[in-house]
Amino acid sequence: MSILFWLTVMQAALGFAGSALDGDIALPTAAVMPWLILIGIAGIVAHLCLTKALTLAPATVVVPMDFIRLPAIAVVGMLVYGEPLDLYVLLGALVILAANWINLADETRKSLTVT
């Protein structure tokens, strides 16, 4: 939990420093602020869920599942924002899904042979 806290503090400080380089910082409007708060809460909850998952299962199971969000967000981008899915996106998604399948199959095979 403290690692997550310090990573968030460092990212906030570096993000502020990077945005302040030119001296022209645009503050969010009152209409945008609830969305920023929602995004911040969702990001912290996602990190906490990943941290909890890593305490409950081995990283060889959790991390491949975490990589599935990359092809999933490509589909969300296509459906919600009308972004096209080109060959490279599909090829990348195929590589990610194949690697996850191989890792999980190997982990399952190892756990079956140990018992």
PDB file of N, CA and C in Angstrom:
ATOM      1  N   MET A   1       0.824  -1.183   0.000  1.00  0.00           N
ATOM      2  CA  MET A   1       0.000   0.000   0.000  1.00  0.00           C
ATOM      3  C   MET A   1       0.874   1.255   0.000  1.00  0.00           C
ATOM      4  N   SER A   2       1.979   1.212   0.744  1.00  0.00           N
ATOM      5  CA  SER A   2       2.817   2.409   0.777  1.00  0.00           C
ATOM      6  C   SER A   2       3.534   2.611  -0.559  1.00  0.00           C
ATOM      7  N   ILE A   3       3.855   1.530  -1.258  1.00  0.00           N
ATOM      8  CA  ILE A   3       4.462   1.673  -2.583  1.00  0.00           C
ATOM      9  C   ILE A   3       3.485   2.359  -3.523  1.00  0.00           C
ATOM     10  N   LEU A   4       2.232   1.949  -3.484  1.00  0.00           N
ATOM     11  CA  LEU A   4       1.206   2.571  -4.314  1.00  0.00           C
ATOM     12  C   LEU A   4       1.075   4.053  -3.974  1.00  0.00           C
ATOM     13  N   PHE A   5       1.096   4.394  -2.695  1.00  0.00           N
ATOM     14  CA  PHE A   5       0.988   5.793  -2.274  1.00  0.00           C
ATOM     15  C   PHE A   5       2.144   6.614  -2.838  1.00  0.00           C
ATOM     16  N   TRP A   6       3.379   6.129  -2.653  1.00  0.00           N
ATOM     17  CA  TRP A   6       4.534   6.904  -3.093  1.00  0.00           C
ATOM     18  C   TRP A   6       4.623   6.980  -4.619  1.00  0.00           C
ATOM     19  N   LEU A   7       4.193   5.940  -5.316  1.00  0.00           N
ATOM     20  CA  LEU A   7       4.146   6.016  -6.773  1.00  0.00           C
ATOM     21  C   LEU A   7       3.155   7.076  -7.228  1.00  0.00           C
ATOM     22  N   THR A   8       2.019   7.156  -6.561  1.00  0.00           N
ATOM     23  CA  THR A   8       1.017   8.172  -6.901  1.00  0.00           C
ATOM     24  C   THR A   8       1.550   9.569  -6.618  1.00  0.00           C
ATOM     25  N   VAL A   9       2.214   9.748  -5.492  1.00  0.00           N
ATOM     26  CA  VAL A   9       2.778  11.060  -5.149  1.00  0.00           C
ATOM     27  C   VAL A   9       3.840  11.459  -6.172  1.00  0.00           C
ATOM     28  N   MET A  10       4.716  10.518  -6.528  1.00  0.00           N
ATOM     29  CA  MET A  10       5.772  10.829  -7.504  1.00  0.00           C
ATOM     30  C   MET A  10       5.177  11.181  -8.869  1.00  0.00           C
ATOM     31  N   GLN A  11       4.167  10.421  -9.302  1.00  0.00           N
ATOM     32  CA  GLN A  11       3.558  10.708 -10.596  1.00  0.00           C
ATOM     33  C   GLN A  11       2.865  12.063 -10.584  1.00  0.00           C
ATOM     34  N   ALA A  12       2.205  12.399  -9.478  1.00  0.00           N
ATOM     35  CA  ALA A  12       1.540  13.701  -9.382  1.00  0.00           C
ATOM     36  C   ALA A  12       2.567  14.835  -9.421  1.00  0.00           C
ATOM     37  N   ALA A  13       3.653  14.690  -8.672  1.00  0.00           N
ATOM     38  CA  ALA A  13       4.681  15.738  -8.640  1.00  0.00           C
ATOM     39  C   ALA A  13       5.357  15.886  -9.995  1.00  0.00           C
ATOM     40  N   LEU A  14       5.720  14.764 -10.621  1.00  0.00           N
ATOM     41  CA  LEU A  14       6.372  14.844 -11.936  1.00  0.00           C
ATOM     42  C   LEU A  14       5.412  15.343 -13.016  1.00  0.00           C
ATOM     43  N   GLY A  15       4.155  14.957 -12.918  1.00  0.00           N
ATOM     44  CA  GLY A  15       3.159  15.454 -13.872  1.00  0.00           C
ATOM     45  C   GLY A  15       2.961  16.951 -13.743  1.00  0.00           C
ATOM     46  N   PHE A  16       2.911  17.438 -12.507  1.00  0.00           N
ATOM     47  CA  PHE A  16       2.787  18.881 -12.291  1.00  0.00           C
ATOM     48  C   PHE A  16       4.029  19.602 -12.790  1.00  0.00           C
ATOM     49  N   ALA A  17       5.198  19.068 -12.490  1.00  0.00           N
ATOM     50  CA  ALA A  17       6.443  19.703 -12.924  1.00  0.00           C
ATOM     51  C   ALA A  17       6.528  19.745 -14.454  1.00  0.00           C
ATOM     52  N   GLY A  18       6.144  18.648 -15.097  1.00  0.00           N
ATOM     53  CA  GLY A  18       6.172  18.611 -16.556  1.00  0.00           C
ATOM     54  C   GLY A  18       5.185  19.571 -17.184  1.00  0.00           C
ATOM     55  N   SER A  19       4.018  19.705 -16.592  1.00  0.00           N
ATOM     56  CA  SER A  19       3.023  20.614 -17.149  1.00  0.00           C
ATOM     57  C   SER A  19       3.350  22.070 -16.851  1.00  0.00           C
ATOM     58  N   ALA A  20       4.161  22.315 -15.831  1.00  0.00           N
ATOM     59  CA  ALA A  20       4.505  23.688 -15.457  1.00  0.00           C
ATOM     60  C   ALA A  20       5.732  24.207 -16.191  1.00  0.00           C
ATOM     61  N   LEU A  21       6.352  23.402 -17.035  1.00  0.00           N
ATOM     62  CA  LEU A  21       7.572  23.832 -17.717  1.00  0.00           C
ATOM     63  C   LEU A  21       7.380  25.108 -18.530  1.00  0.00           C
ATOM     64  N   ASP A  22       6.267  25.218 -19.217  1.00  0.00           N
ATOM     65  CA  ASP A  22       6.055  26.405 -20.043  1.00  0.00           C
ATOM     66  C   ASP A  22       5.329  27.519 -19.284  1.00  0.00           C
ATOM     67  N   GLY A  23       4.927  27.261 -18.037  1.00  0.00           N
ATOM     68  CA  GLY A  23       4.266  28.280 -17.228  1.00  0.00           C
ATOM     69  C   GLY A  23       2.812  28.511 -17.565  1.00  0.00           C
ATOM     70  N   ASP A  24       2.242  27.694 -18.425  1.00  0.00           N
ATOM     71  CA  ASP A  24       0.851  27.876 -18.848  1.00  0.00           C
ATOM     72  C   ASP A  24       0.034  26.648 -18.449  1.00  0.00           C
ATOM     73  N   ILE A  25      -0.403  26.617 -17.198  1.00  0.00           N
ATOM     74  CA  ILE A  25      -1.189  25.496 -16.698  1.00  0.00           C
ATOM     75  C   ILE A  25      -2.665  25.869 -16.776  1.00  0.00           C
ATOM     76  N   ALA A  26      -3.433  25.052 -17.449  1.00  0.00           N
ATOM     77  CA  ALA A  26      -4.881  25.264 -17.539  1.00  0.00           C
ATOM     78  C   ALA A  26      -5.545  24.479 -16.415  1.00  0.00           C
ATOM     79  N   LEU A  27      -6.172  25.175 -15.508  1.00  0.00           N
ATOM     80  CA  LEU A  27      -6.865  24.508 -14.402  1.00  0.00           C
ATOM     81  C   LEU A  27      -8.178  23.930 -14.895  1.00  0.00           C
ATOM     82  N   PRO A  28      -8.593  22.797 -14.341  1.00  0.00           N
ATOM     83  CA  PRO A  28      -9.853  22.192 -14.792  1.00  0.00           C
ATOM     84  C   PRO A  28     -11.051  23.042 -14.373  1.00  0.00           C
ATOM     85  N   THR A  29     -12.068  22.999 -15.202  1.00  0.00           N
ATOM     86  CA  THR A  29     -13.299  23.727 -14.892  1.00  0.00           C
ATOM     87  C   THR A  29     -14.134  22.911 -13.910  1.00  0.00           C
ATOM     88  N   ALA A  30     -15.151  23.545 -13.361  1.00  0.00           N
ATOM     89  CA  ALA A  30     -16.033  22.859 -12.412  1.00  0.00           C
ATOM     90  C   ALA A  30     -16.777  21.707 -13.083  1.00  0.00           C
ATOM     91  N   ALA A  31     -17.047  21.817 -14.372  1.00  0.00           N
ATOM     92  CA  ALA A  31     -17.752  20.741 -15.088  1.00  0.00           C
ATOM     93  C   ALA A  31     -16.861  19.530 -15.302  1.00  0.00           C
ATOM     94  N   VAL A  32     -15.554  19.743 -15.394  1.00  0.00           N
ATOM     95  CA  VAL A  32     -14.618  18.656 -15.653  1.00  0.00           C
ATOM     96  C   VAL A  32     -14.167  17.991 -14.353  1.00  0.00           C
ATOM     97  N   MET A  33     -14.195  18.720 -13.256  1.00  0.00           N
ATOM     98  CA  MET A  33     -13.665  18.221 -11.985  1.00  0.00           C
ATOM     99  C   MET A  33     -14.282  16.890 -11.525  1.00  0.00           C
ATOM    100  N   PRO A  34     -15.612  16.687 -11.592  1.00  0.00           N
ATOM    101  CA  PRO A  34     -16.148  15.374 -11.175  1.00  0.00           C
ATOM    102  C   PRO A  34     -15.599  14.220 -12.011  1.00  0.00           C
ATOM    103  N   TRP A  35     -15.371  14.456 -13.311  1.00  0.00           N
ATOM    104  CA  TRP A  35     -14.816  13.409 -14.164  1.00  0.00           C
ATOM    105  C   TRP A  35     -13.379  13.107 -13.781  1.00  0.00           C
ATOM    106  N   LEU A  36     -12.609  14.131 -13.448  1.00  0.00           N
ATOM    107  CA  LEU A  36     -11.230  13.913 -13.015  1.00  0.00           C
ATOM    108  C   LEU A  36     -11.182  13.134 -11.706  1.00  0.00           C
ATOM    109  N   ILE A  37     -12.086  13.461 -10.800  1.00  0.00           N
ATOM    110  CA  ILE A  37     -12.148  12.732  -9.528  1.00  0.00           C
ATOM    111  C   ILE A  37     -12.525  11.276  -9.774  1.00  0.00           C
ATOM    112  N   LEU A  38     -13.506  11.045 -10.649  1.00  0.00           N
ATOM    113  CA  LEU A  38     -13.917   9.681 -10.976  1.00  0.00           C
ATOM    114  C   LEU A  38     -12.769   8.894 -11.600  1.00  0.00           C
ATOM    115  N   ILE A  39     -12.030   9.499 -12.513  1.00  0.00           N
ATOM    116  CA  ILE A  39     -10.894   8.824 -13.139  1.00  0.00           C
ATOM    117  C   ILE A  39      -9.821   8.508 -12.099  1.00  0.00           C
ATOM    118  N   GLY A  40      -9.560   9.454 -11.197  1.00  0.00           N
ATOM    119  CA  GLY A  40      -8.571   9.223 -10.142  1.00  0.00           C
ATOM    120  C   GLY A  40      -8.969   8.088  -9.220  1.00  0.00           C
ATOM    121  N   ILE A  41     -10.232   8.071  -8.805  1.00  0.00           N
ATOM    122  CA  ILE A  41     -10.712   6.998  -7.929  1.00  0.00           C
ATOM    123  C   ILE A  41     -10.648   5.653  -8.645  1.00  0.00           C
ATOM    124  N   ALA A  42     -11.072   5.630  -9.908  1.00  0.00           N
ATOM    125  CA  ALA A  42     -11.035   4.375 -10.671  1.00  0.00           C
ATOM    126  C   ALA A  42      -9.598   3.867 -10.827  1.00  0.00           C
ATOM    127  N   GLY A  43      -8.659   4.764 -11.051  1.00  0.00           N
ATOM    128  CA  GLY A  43      -7.263   4.350 -11.187  1.00  0.00           C
ATOM    129  C   GLY A  43      -6.702   3.772  -9.894  1.00  0.00           C
ATOM    130  N   ILE A  44      -7.007   4.422  -8.778  1.00  0.00           N
ATOM    131  CA  ILE A  44      -6.521   3.923  -7.487  1.00  0.00           C
ATOM    132  C   ILE A  44      -7.172   2.590  -7.145  1.00  0.00           C
ATOM    133  N   VAL A  45      -8.463   2.469  -7.405  1.00  0.00           N
ATOM    134  CA  VAL A  45      -9.154   1.198  -7.132  1.00  0.00           C
ATOM    135  C   VAL A  45      -8.586   0.089  -8.011  1.00  0.00           C
ATOM    136  N   ALA A  46      -8.269   0.392  -9.262  1.00  0.00           N
ATOM    137  CA  ALA A  46      -7.677  -0.615 -10.146  1.00  0.00           C
ATOM    138  C   ALA A  46      -6.328  -1.090  -9.604  1.00  0.00           C
ATOM    139  N   HIS A  47      -5.514  -0.163  -9.124  1.00  0.00           N
ATOM    140  CA  HIS A  47      -4.222  -0.553  -8.548  1.00  0.00           C
ATOM    141  C   HIS A  47      -4.402  -1.364  -7.274  1.00  0.00           C
ATOM    142  N   LEU A  48      -5.357  -0.986  -6.451  1.00  0.00           N
ATOM    143  CA  LEU A  48      -5.609  -1.747  -5.228  1.00  0.00           C
ATOM    144  C   LEU A  48      -6.110  -3.154  -5.551  1.00  0.00           C
ATOM    145  N   CYS A  49      -6.958  -3.273  -6.563  1.00  0.00           N
ATOM    146  CA  CYS A  49      -7.451  -4.602  -6.966  1.00  0.00           C
ATOM    147  C   CYS A  49      -6.313  -5.467  -7.488  1.00  0.00           C
ATOM    148  N   LEU A  50      -5.424  -4.876  -8.276  1.00  0.00           N
ATOM    149  CA  LEU A  50      -4.282  -5.635  -8.780  1.00  0.00           C
ATOM    150  C   LEU A  50      -3.367  -6.060  -7.641  1.00  0.00           C
ATOM    151  N   THR A  51      -3.148  -5.165  -6.688  1.00  0.00           N
ATOM    152  CA  THR A  51      -2.326  -5.505  -5.531  1.00  0.00           C
ATOM    153  C   THR A  51      -2.956  -6.636  -4.736  1.00  0.00           C
ATOM    154  N   LYS A  52      -4.268  -6.582  -4.533  1.00  0.00           N
ATOM    155  CA  LYS A  52      -4.967  -7.645  -3.797  1.00  0.00           C
ATOM    156  C   LYS A  52      -4.898  -8.963  -4.572  1.00  0.00           C
ATOM    157  N   ALA A  53      -5.053  -8.894  -5.888  1.00  0.00           N
ATOM    158  CA  ALA A  53      -4.979 -10.111  -6.702  1.00  0.00           C
ATOM    159  C   ALA A  53      -3.604 -10.757  -6.592  1.00  0.00           C
ATOM    160  N   LEU A  54      -2.558  -9.925  -6.530  1.00  0.00           N
ATOM    161  CA  LEU A  54      -1.207 -10.477  -6.408  1.00  0.00           C
ATOM    162  C   LEU A  54      -0.965 -11.106  -5.042  1.00  0.00           C
ATOM    163  N   THR A  55      -1.731 -10.716  -4.031  1.00  0.00           N
ATOM    164  CA  THR A  55      -1.603 -11.382  -2.727  1.00  0.00           C
ATOM    165  C   THR A  55      -2.369 -12.700  -2.707  1.00  0.00           C
ATOM    166  N   LEU A  56      -3.359 -12.855  -3.568  1.00  0.00           N
ATOM    167  CA  LEU A  56      -4.191 -14.056  -3.561  1.00  0.00           C
ATOM    168  C   LEU A  56      -3.739 -15.130  -4.558  1.00  0.00           C
ATOM    169  N   ALA A  57      -3.047 -14.724  -5.618  1.00  0.00           N
ATOM    170  CA  ALA A  57      -2.645 -15.679  -6.656  1.00  0.00           C
ATOM    171  C   ALA A  57      -1.229 -15.358  -7.107  1.00  0.00           C
ATOM    172  N   PRO A  58      -0.548 -16.340  -7.686  1.00  0.00           N
ATOM    173  CA  PRO A  58       0.811 -16.075  -8.169  1.00  0.00           C
ATOM    174  C   PRO A  58       0.811 -15.077  -9.329  1.00  0.00           C
ATOM    175  N   ALA A  59       1.911 -14.370  -9.475  1.00  0.00           N
ATOM    176  CA  ALA A  59       2.033 -13.373 -10.541  1.00  0.00           C
ATOM    177  C   ALA A  59       1.905 -14.002 -11.919  1.00  0.00           C
ATOM    178  N   THR A  60       2.281 -15.266 -12.058  1.00  0.00           N
ATOM    179  CA  THR A  60       2.178 -15.927 -13.363  1.00  0.00           C
ATOM    180  C   THR A  60       0.731 -16.113 -13.790  1.00  0.00           C
ATOM    181  N   VAL A  61      -0.202 -16.017 -12.858  1.00  0.00           N
ATOM    182  CA  VAL A  61      -1.625 -16.088 -13.188  1.00  0.00           C
ATOM    183  C   VAL A  61      -2.217 -14.695 -13.308  1.00  0.00           C
ATOM    184  N   VAL A  62      -1.846 -13.781 -12.416  1.00  0.00           N
ATOM    185  CA  VAL A  62      -2.457 -12.456 -12.364  1.00  0.00           C
ATOM    186  C   VAL A  62      -1.996 -11.567 -13.520  1.00  0.00           C
ATOM    187  N   VAL A  63      -0.719 -11.512 -13.777  1.00  0.00           N
ATOM    188  CA  VAL A  63      -0.187 -10.585 -14.778  1.00  0.00           C
ATOM    189  C   VAL A  63      -0.695 -10.902 -16.186  1.00  0.00           C
ATOM    190  N   PRO A  64      -0.764 -12.164 -16.608  1.00  0.00           N
ATOM    191  CA  PRO A  64      -1.360 -12.405 -17.931  1.00  0.00           C
ATOM    192  C   PRO A  64      -2.800 -11.909 -18.029  1.00  0.00           C
ATOM    193  N   MET A  65      -3.554 -12.036 -16.958  1.00  0.00           N
ATOM    194  CA  MET A  65      -4.920 -11.528 -16.980  1.00  0.00           C
ATOM    195  C   MET A  65      -4.936 -10.005 -17.073  1.00  0.00           C
ATOM    196  N   ASP A  66      -3.932  -9.364 -16.483  1.00  0.00           N
ATOM    197  CA  ASP A  66      -3.834  -7.912 -16.552  1.00  0.00           C
ATOM    198  C   ASP A  66      -3.563  -7.453 -17.981  1.00  0.00           C
ATOM    199  N   PHE A  67      -2.815  -8.238 -18.752  1.00  0.00           N
ATOM    200  CA  PHE A  67      -2.518  -7.868 -20.128  1.00  0.00           C
ATOM    201  C   PHE A  67      -3.736  -7.965 -21.038  1.00  0.00           C
ATOM    202  N   ILE A  68      -4.765  -8.666 -20.613  1.00  0.00           N
ATOM    203  CA  ILE A  68      -5.971  -8.776 -21.436  1.00  0.00           C
ATOM    204  C   ILE A  68      -6.664  -7.423 -21.570  1.00  0.00           C
ATOM    205  N   ARG A  69      -6.368  -6.499 -20.654  1.00  0.00           N
ATOM    206  CA  ARG A  69      -7.012  -5.187 -20.749  1.00  0.00           C
ATOM    207  C   ARG A  69      -6.567  -4.435 -21.999  1.00  0.00           C
ATOM    208  N   LEU A  70      -5.407  -4.740 -22.553  1.00  0.00           N
ATOM    209  CA  LEU A  70      -4.951  -4.037 -23.757  1.00  0.00           C
ATOM    210  C   LEU A  70      -5.839  -4.339 -24.972  1.00  0.00           C
ATOM    211  N   PRO A  71      -6.079  -5.616 -25.306  1.00  0.00           N
ATOM    212  CA  PRO A  71      -7.021  -5.858 -26.407  1.00  0.00           C
ATOM    213  C   PRO A  71      -8.450  -5.419 -26.058  1.00  0.00           C
ATOM    214  N   ALA A  72      -8.810  -5.540 -24.776  1.00  0.00           N
ATOM    215  CA  ALA A  72     -10.166  -5.142 -24.381  1.00  0.00           C
ATOM    216  C   ALA A  72     -10.379  -3.647 -24.591  1.00  0.00           C
ATOM    217  N   ILE A  73      -9.394  -2.823 -24.251  1.00  0.00           N
ATOM    218  CA  ILE A  73      -9.562  -1.385 -24.429  1.00  0.00           C
ATOM    219  C   ILE A  73      -9.550  -1.002 -25.905  1.00  0.00           C
ATOM    220  N   ALA A  74      -8.897  -1.817 -26.748  1.00  0.00           N
ATOM    221  CA  ALA A  74      -8.964  -1.569 -28.193  1.00  0.00           C
ATOM    222  C   ALA A  74     -10.393  -1.765 -28.690  1.00  0.00           C
ATOM    223  N   VAL A  75     -11.072  -2.777 -28.169  1.00  0.00           N
ATOM    224  CA  VAL A  75     -12.472  -3.016 -28.544  1.00  0.00           C
ATOM    225  C   VAL A  75     -13.352  -1.884 -28.018  1.00  0.00           C
ATOM    226  N   VAL A  76     -13.097  -1.429 -26.788  1.00  0.00           N
ATOM    227  CA  VAL A  76     -13.863  -0.303 -26.234  1.00  0.00           C
ATOM    228  C   VAL A  76     -13.648   0.941 -27.095  1.00  0.00           C
ATOM    229  N   GLY A  77     -12.412   1.192 -27.497  1.00  0.00           N
ATOM    230  CA  GLY A  77     -12.132   2.336 -28.357  1.00  0.00           C
ATOM    231  C   GLY A  77     -12.873   2.251 -29.681  1.00  0.00           C
ATOM    232  N   MET A  78     -12.989   1.038 -30.210  1.00  0.00           N
ATOM    233  CA  MET A  78     -13.705   0.852 -31.466  1.00  0.00           C
ATOM    234  C   MET A  78     -15.203   1.105 -31.271  1.00  0.00           C
ATOM    235  N   LEU A  79     -15.772   0.531 -30.197  1.00  0.00           N
ATOM    236  CA  LEU A  79     -17.217   0.628 -30.001  1.00  0.00           C
ATOM    237  C   LEU A  79     -17.658   2.007 -29.504  1.00  0.00           C
ATOM    238  N   VAL A  80     -16.915   2.584 -28.576  1.00  0.00           N
ATOM    239  CA  VAL A  80     -17.343   3.839 -27.960  1.00  0.00           C
ATOM    240  C   VAL A  80     -16.870   5.058 -28.752  1.00  0.00           C
ATOM    241  N   TYR A  81     -15.626   5.035 -29.232  1.00  0.00           N
ATOM    242  CA  TYR A  81     -15.056   6.215 -29.868  1.00  0.00           C
ATOM    243  C   TYR A  81     -14.936   6.113 -31.382  1.00  0.00           C
ATOM    244  N   GLY A  82     -15.302   4.979 -31.957  1.00  0.00           N
ATOM    245  CA  GLY A  82     -15.244   4.825 -33.399  1.00  0.00           C
ATOM    246  C   GLY A  82     -13.839   4.695 -33.950  1.00  0.00           C
ATOM    247  N   GLU A  83     -12.888   4.291 -33.117  1.00  0.00           N
ATOM    248  CA  GLU A  83     -11.504   4.101 -33.564  1.00  0.00           C
ATOM    249  C   GLU A  83     -11.417   2.836 -34.420  1.00  0.00           C
ATOM    250  N   PRO A  84     -10.702   2.899 -35.521  1.00  0.00           N
ATOM    251  CA  PRO A  84     -10.583   1.699 -36.357  1.00  0.00           C
ATOM    252  C   PRO A  84      -9.607   0.687 -35.744  1.00  0.00           C
ATOM    253  N   LEU A  85      -9.896  -0.572 -35.958  1.00  0.00           N
ATOM    254  CA  LEU A  85      -8.978  -1.640 -35.561  1.00  0.00           C
ATOM    255  C   LEU A  85      -8.183  -2.023 -36.802  1.00  0.00           C
ATOM    256  N   ASP A  86      -6.909  -1.662 -36.808  1.00  0.00           N
ATOM    257  CA  ASP A  86      -6.093  -2.017 -37.960  1.00  0.00           C
ATOM    258  C   ASP A  86      -5.391  -3.349 -37.724  1.00  0.00           C
ATOM    259  N   LEU A  87      -4.638  -3.774 -38.701  1.00  0.00           N
ATOM    260  CA  LEU A  87      -3.983  -5.083 -38.652  1.00  0.00           C
ATOM    261  C   LEU A  87      -3.026  -5.184 -37.469  1.00  0.00           C
ATOM    262  N   TYR A  88      -2.298  -4.106 -37.167  1.00  0.00           N
ATOM    263  CA  TYR A  88      -1.317  -4.150 -36.082  1.00  0.00           C
ATOM    264  C   TYR A  88      -1.990  -4.291 -34.713  1.00  0.00           C
ATOM    265  N   VAL A  89      -3.139  -3.652 -34.541  1.00  0.00           N
ATOM    266  CA  VAL A  89      -3.879  -3.799 -33.285  1.00  0.00           C
ATOM    267  C   VAL A  89      -4.362  -5.243 -33.131  1.00  0.00           C
ATOM    268  N   LEU A  90      -4.904  -5.789 -34.197  1.00  0.00           N
ATOM    269  CA  LEU A  90      -5.377  -7.176 -34.152  1.00  0.00           C
ATOM    270  C   LEU A  90      -4.225  -8.161 -33.944  1.00  0.00           C
ATOM    271  N   LEU A  91      -3.095  -7.917 -34.605  1.00  0.00           N
ATOM    272  CA  LEU A  91      -1.926  -8.773 -34.437  1.00  0.00           C
ATOM    273  C   LEU A  91      -1.395  -8.687 -32.997  1.00  0.00           C
ATOM    274  N   GLY A  92      -1.341  -7.488 -32.447  1.00  0.00           N
ATOM    275  CA  GLY A  92      -0.905  -7.316 -31.058  1.00  0.00           C
ATOM    276  C   GLY A  92      -1.839  -8.011 -30.088  1.00  0.00           C
ATOM    277  N   ALA A  93      -3.142  -7.888 -30.318  1.00  0.00           N
ATOM    278  CA  ALA A  93      -4.115  -8.566 -29.462  1.00  0.00           C
ATOM    279  C   ALA A  93      -3.955 -10.073 -29.557  1.00  0.00           C
ATOM    280  N   LEU A  94      -3.707 -10.578 -30.753  1.00  0.00           N
ATOM    281  CA  LEU A  94      -3.504 -12.014 -30.936  1.00  0.00           C
ATOM    282  C   LEU A  94      -2.255 -12.494 -30.197  1.00  0.00           C
ATOM    283  N   VAL A  95      -1.181 -11.725 -30.255  1.00  0.00           N
ATOM    284  CA  VAL A  95       0.051 -12.094 -29.543  1.00  0.00           C
ATOM    285  C   VAL A  95      -0.193 -12.108 -28.040  1.00  0.00           C
ATOM    286  N   ILE A  96      -0.877 -11.089 -27.535  1.00  0.00           N
ATOM    287  CA  ILE A  96      -1.161 -11.017 -26.098  1.00  0.00           C
ATOM    288  C   ILE A  96      -2.030 -12.187 -25.661  1.00  0.00           C
ATOM    289  N   LEU A  97      -3.091 -12.458 -26.395  1.00  0.00           N
ATOM    290  CA  LEU A  97      -3.983 -13.560 -26.021  1.00  0.00           C
ATOM    291  C   LEU A  97      -3.270 -14.914 -26.127  1.00  0.00           C
ATOM    292  N   ALA A  98      -2.448 -15.103 -27.158  1.00  0.00           N
ATOM    293  CA  ALA A  98      -1.712 -16.365 -27.298  1.00  0.00           C
ATOM    294  C   ALA A  98      -0.711 -16.541 -26.153  1.00  0.00           C
ATOM    295  N   ALA A  99      -0.017 -15.467 -25.802  1.00  0.00           N
ATOM    296  CA  ALA A  99       0.950 -15.552 -24.698  1.00  0.00           C
ATOM    297  C   ALA A  99       0.245 -15.852 -23.385  1.00  0.00           C
ATOM    298  N   ASN A 100      -0.909 -15.220 -23.166  1.00  0.00           N
ATOM    299  CA  ASN A 100      -1.678 -15.509 -21.947  1.00  0.00           C
ATOM    300  C   ASN A 100      -2.131 -16.956 -21.923  1.00  0.00           C
ATOM    301  N   TRP A 101      -2.610 -17.435 -23.044  1.00  0.00           N
ATOM    302  CA  TRP A 101      -3.073 -18.828 -23.128  1.00  0.00           C
ATOM    303  C   TRP A 101      -1.929 -19.796 -22.814  1.00  0.00           C
ATOM    304  N   ILE A 102      -0.772 -19.564 -23.401  1.00  0.00           N
ATOM    305  CA  ILE A 102       0.384 -20.444 -23.182  1.00  0.00           C
ATOM    306  C   ILE A 102       0.819 -20.406 -21.724  1.00  0.00           C
ATOM    307  N   ASN A 103       0.902 -19.206 -21.142  1.00  0.00           N
ATOM    308  CA  ASN A 103       1.318 -19.092 -19.738  1.00  0.00           C
ATOM    309  C   ASN A 103       0.340 -19.782 -18.798  1.00  0.00           C
ATOM    310  N   LEU A 104      -0.947 -19.571 -19.022  1.00  0.00           N
ATOM    311  CA  LEU A 104      -1.937 -20.196 -18.138  1.00  0.00           C
ATOM    312  C   LEU A 104      -1.983 -21.706 -18.332  1.00  0.00           C
ATOM    313  N   ALA A 105      -1.836 -22.164 -19.569  1.00  0.00           N
ATOM    314  CA  ALA A 105      -1.820 -23.611 -19.808  1.00  0.00           C
ATOM    315  C   ALA A 105      -0.603 -24.246 -19.147  1.00  0.00           C
ATOM    316  N   ASP A 106       0.534 -23.572 -19.219  1.00  0.00           N
ATOM    317  CA  ASP A 106       1.751 -24.079 -18.575  1.00  0.00           C
ATOM    318  C   ASP A 106       1.581 -24.099 -17.058  1.00  0.00           C
ATOM    319  N   GLU A 107       0.993 -23.049 -16.508  1.00  0.00           N
ATOM    320  CA  GLU A 107       0.770 -22.984 -15.051  1.00  0.00           C
ATOM    321  C   GLU A 107      -0.207 -24.079 -14.610  1.00  0.00           C
ATOM    322  N   THR A 108      -1.240 -24.322 -15.410  1.00  0.00           N
ATOM    323  CA  THR A 108      -2.207 -25.370 -15.084  1.00  0.00           C
ATOM    324  C   THR A 108      -1.541 -26.741 -15.152  1.00  0.00           C
ATOM    325  N   ARG A 109      -0.719 -26.961 -16.176  1.00  0.00           N
ATOM    326  CA  ARG A 109      -0.025 -28.229 -16.323  1.00  0.00           C
ATOM    327  C   ARG A 109       0.922 -28.468 -15.142  1.00  0.00           C
ATOM    328  N   LYS A 110       1.623 -27.427 -14.700  1.00  0.00           N
ATOM    329  CA  LYS A 110       2.524 -27.563 -13.546  1.00  0.00           C
ATOM    330  C   LYS A 110       1.759 -27.893 -12.284  1.00  0.00           C
ATOM    331  N   SER A 111       0.614 -27.243 -12.081  1.00  0.00           N
ATOM    332  CA  SER A 111      -0.144 -27.515 -10.851  1.00  0.00           C
ATOM    333  C   SER A 111      -0.783 -28.900 -10.876  1.00  0.00           C
ATOM    334  N   LEU A 112      -1.084 -29.444 -12.047  1.00  0.00           N
ATOM    335  CA  LEU A 112      -1.644 -30.787 -12.125  1.00  0.00           C
ATOM    336  C   LEU A 112      -0.580 -31.856 -11.880  1.00  0.00           C
ATOM    337  N   THR A 113       0.652 -31.590 -12.307  1.00  0.00           N
ATOM    338  CA  THR A 113       1.706 -32.589 -12.115  1.00  0.00           C
ATOM    339  C   THR A 113       2.259 -32.592 -10.700  1.00  0.00           C
ATOM    340  N   VAL A 114       2.101 -31.493  -9.978  1.00  0.00           N
ATOM    341  CA  VAL A 114       2.629 -31.412  -8.604  1.00  0.00           C
ATOM    342  C   VAL A 114       1.767 -32.237  -7.654  1.00  0.00           C
ATOM    343  N   THR A 115       0.463 -32.288  -7.872  1.00  0.00           N
ATOM    344  CA  THR A 115      -0.423 -33.011  -6.958  1.00  0.00           C
ATOM    345  C   THR A 115      -0.389 -34.465  -7.143  1.00  0.00           C
TER     346      THR A 115
END
